[in-house]
Amino acid sequence: MPLKLDLKTGIKMIINGAVVENIGPNTKLLVHNDSAILREKEVLSDADTKTPASRIYFALQCAYMFPLEQEEHLETFRNYLNDYITALPSANEIGQEILEAVDAGQLYKALKKTQKIIHHESDIVQAMKDSIEESTDEYLPEKGDNIGNR
């Protein structure tokens, strides 16, 4: 099934490992064959991989974009995903969805599902921050309290 892409000026995308940028007015492309395509907003750079979930996404992205090294990248992806699920068993269901897509050879679909892991990680971090703030508020004096007068 062909894929129709509408690119605004200055937008980049990767097609089979080649970075393509629209340098003119809006461009419409119709891709007729099976190709590894990522839009700029879907691409994660190596420098952006600062969290365990982003490393999972990046390894899978590399497997998708670079088929000659796909097995190596998939091994890295599986190790990262396994470590993540071991540390956060609450992500097991998401991890299984991703693995099913990978095992079926649907790497783009797996990448989309991997975004759920990134959101999961973000939710966990936010919950931890909220918990820390709540517990800190319990033990900190209220504004205007003079600790020396207690």
Protein backbone atom coordinates (compact mmCIF):
# COMPACT_ATOMS: atom_id res chain seq x y z
CA MET A 1 0.00 0.00 0.00
CA PRO A 2 1.51 3.38 -0.99
CA LEU A 3 2.38 5.89 1.71
CA LYS A 4 1.49 9.54 1.11
CA LEU A 5 3.73 12.10 2.83
CA ASP A 6 3.14 15.85 3.00
CA LEU A 7 6.32 17.73 3.93
CA LYS A 8 6.35 21.36 4.97
CA THR A 9 9.37 23.54 4.18
CA GLY A 10 12.41 22.65 6.26
CA ILE A 11 11.05 19.30 7.49
CA LYS A 12 13.47 16.38 7.44
CA MET A 13 12.83 12.69 7.22
CA ILE A 14 14.85 9.53 6.86
CA ILE A 15 14.18 7.14 4.01
CA ASN A 16 16.17 3.90 4.08
CA GLY A 17 18.93 5.60 6.06
CA ALA A 18 19.15 8.72 3.86
CA VAL A 19 18.23 12.04 5.46
CA VAL A 20 15.96 14.00 3.13
CA GLU A 21 14.92 17.64 3.71
CA ASN A 22 12.26 19.64 1.93
CA ILE A 23 13.93 22.91 0.92
CA GLY A 24 11.08 24.30 -1.15
CA PRO A 25 7.41 24.93 -0.61
CA ASN A 26 5.24 22.11 0.66
CA THR A 27 6.02 18.83 -1.04
CA LYS A 28 3.87 15.76 -1.40
CA LEU A 29 5.52 12.38 -1.90
CA LEU A 30 3.96 9.04 -2.66
CA VAL A 31 6.17 6.09 -1.72
CA HIS A 32 5.10 2.99 -3.66
CA ASN A 33 7.42 0.33 -2.26
CA ASP A 34 8.27 -0.97 1.20
CA SER A 35 10.75 1.48 2.71
CA ALA A 36 12.05 2.35 6.17
CA ILE A 37 10.70 5.88 6.69
CA LEU A 38 10.82 8.06 9.80
CA ARG A 39 9.60 11.63 9.98
CA GLU A 40 11.74 14.17 11.82
CA LYS A 41 9.41 14.12 14.86
CA GLU A 42 9.88 10.33 15.16
CA VAL A 43 13.69 10.39 15.06
CA LEU A 44 15.66 10.21 18.27
CA SER A 45 19.33 11.17 18.07
CA ASP A 46 22.07 9.36 19.95
CA ALA A 47 22.56 12.51 22.04
CA ASP A 48 18.89 12.41 23.10
CA THR A 49 19.13 8.90 24.57
CA LYS A 50 19.49 9.86 28.22
CA THR A 51 16.97 7.52 29.82
CA PRO A 52 16.47 3.75 29.76
CA ALA A 53 13.26 4.08 27.71
CA SER A 54 14.90 6.36 25.14
CA ARG A 55 17.75 3.84 24.75
CA ILE A 56 15.15 1.14 23.98
CA TYR A 57 13.60 3.37 21.31
CA PHE A 58 16.97 4.34 19.81
CA ALA A 59 18.18 0.73 19.52
CA LEU A 60 14.93 -0.26 17.80
CA GLN A 61 15.10 2.81 15.56
CA CYS A 62 18.60 1.75 14.47
CA ALA A 63 17.35 -1.79 13.75
CA TYR A 64 14.58 -0.30 11.60
CA MET A 65 16.78 2.15 9.72
CA PHE A 66 19.91 0.05 9.20
CA PRO A 67 18.95 -3.45 8.05
CA LEU A 68 22.57 -4.53 7.51
CA GLU A 69 23.19 -4.23 11.26
CA GLN A 70 19.63 -5.12 12.25
CA GLU A 71 20.45 -8.24 14.29
CA GLU A 72 23.05 -6.38 16.35
CA HIS A 73 20.63 -3.51 17.05
CA LEU A 74 17.80 -5.93 17.88
CA GLU A 75 20.02 -7.71 20.39
CA THR A 76 20.80 -4.37 22.04
CA PHE A 77 17.09 -3.48 21.96
CA ARG A 78 16.10 -6.78 23.60
CA ASN A 79 18.72 -6.32 26.33
CA TYR A 80 17.54 -2.78 27.09
CA LEU A 81 13.88 -3.83 27.08
CA ASN A 82 14.55 -6.81 29.32
CA ASP A 83 16.46 -4.62 31.79
CA TYR A 84 13.64 -2.07 31.78
CA ILE A 85 10.91 -4.64 32.41
CA THR A 86 13.01 -6.28 35.14
CA ALA A 87 13.37 -2.92 36.88
CA LEU A 88 9.75 -1.86 36.24
CA PRO A 89 7.48 -4.92 35.96
CA SER A 90 4.53 -2.56 35.46
CA ALA A 91 5.80 -2.17 31.88
CA ASN A 92 5.58 -5.90 31.12
CA GLU A 93 2.36 -5.67 29.08
CA ILE A 94 3.74 -2.83 26.94
CA GLY A 95 6.99 -4.74 26.50
CA GLN A 96 5.13 -7.83 25.29
CA GLU A 97 3.22 -5.75 22.72
CA ILE A 98 6.50 -4.37 21.42
CA LEU A 99 8.15 -7.81 21.26
CA GLU A 100 5.17 -9.26 19.38
CA ALA A 101 5.50 -6.56 16.73
CA VAL A 102 9.29 -7.07 16.49
CA ASP A 103 8.90 -10.84 16.23
CA ALA A 104 6.36 -10.32 13.42
CA GLY A 105 8.90 -8.15 11.57
CA GLN A 106 6.80 -5.00 12.05
CA LEU A 107 9.55 -2.71 13.30
CA TYR A 108 7.75 0.56 12.55
CA LYS A 109 4.71 -0.65 14.50
CA ALA A 110 7.04 -1.70 17.32
CA LEU A 111 8.62 1.79 17.31
CA LYS A 112 5.17 3.37 17.70
CA LYS A 113 4.46 1.02 20.63
CA THR A 114 7.84 1.85 22.15
CA GLN A 115 6.60 5.41 22.60
CA LYS A 116 4.33 3.91 25.29
CA ILE A 117 7.46 2.86 27.22
CA ILE A 118 8.73 6.44 27.07
CA HIS A 119 5.37 7.69 28.41
CA HIS A 120 5.42 4.97 31.08
CA GLU A 121 8.86 6.08 32.19
CA SER A 122 7.74 9.69 32.27
CA ASP A 123 4.70 8.76 34.38
CA ILE A 124 6.90 6.82 36.83
CA VAL A 125 9.34 9.72 37.16
CA GLN A 126 6.49 12.20 37.69
CA ALA A 127 4.92 9.98 40.35
CA MET A 128 8.28 9.79 42.12
CA LYS A 129 8.66 13.58 42.01
CA ASP A 130 5.15 14.03 43.39
CA SER A 131 5.84 11.54 46.16
CA ILE A 132 9.08 13.27 47.10
CA GLU A 133 7.39 16.67 47.14
CA GLU A 134 4.59 15.34 49.35
CA SER A 135 6.97 13.75 51.82
CA THR A 136 9.24 16.81 51.82
CA ASP A 137 6.25 19.08 52.49
CA GLU A 138 5.43 16.97 55.55
CA TYR A 139 8.79 17.59 57.17
CA LEU A 140 9.59 21.13 56.12
CA PRO A 141 8.47 23.99 58.33
CA GLU A 142 5.76 26.22 56.92
CA LYS A 143 6.73 29.61 55.60
CA GLY A 144 7.21 32.04 58.47
CA ASP A 145 7.84 29.33 61.08
CA ASN A 146 10.87 30.04 63.21
CA ILE A 147 12.53 26.72 63.91
CA GLY A 148 14.57 28.22 66.73
CA ASN A 149 11.42 28.98 68.76
CA ARG A 150 10.30 25.35 68.98
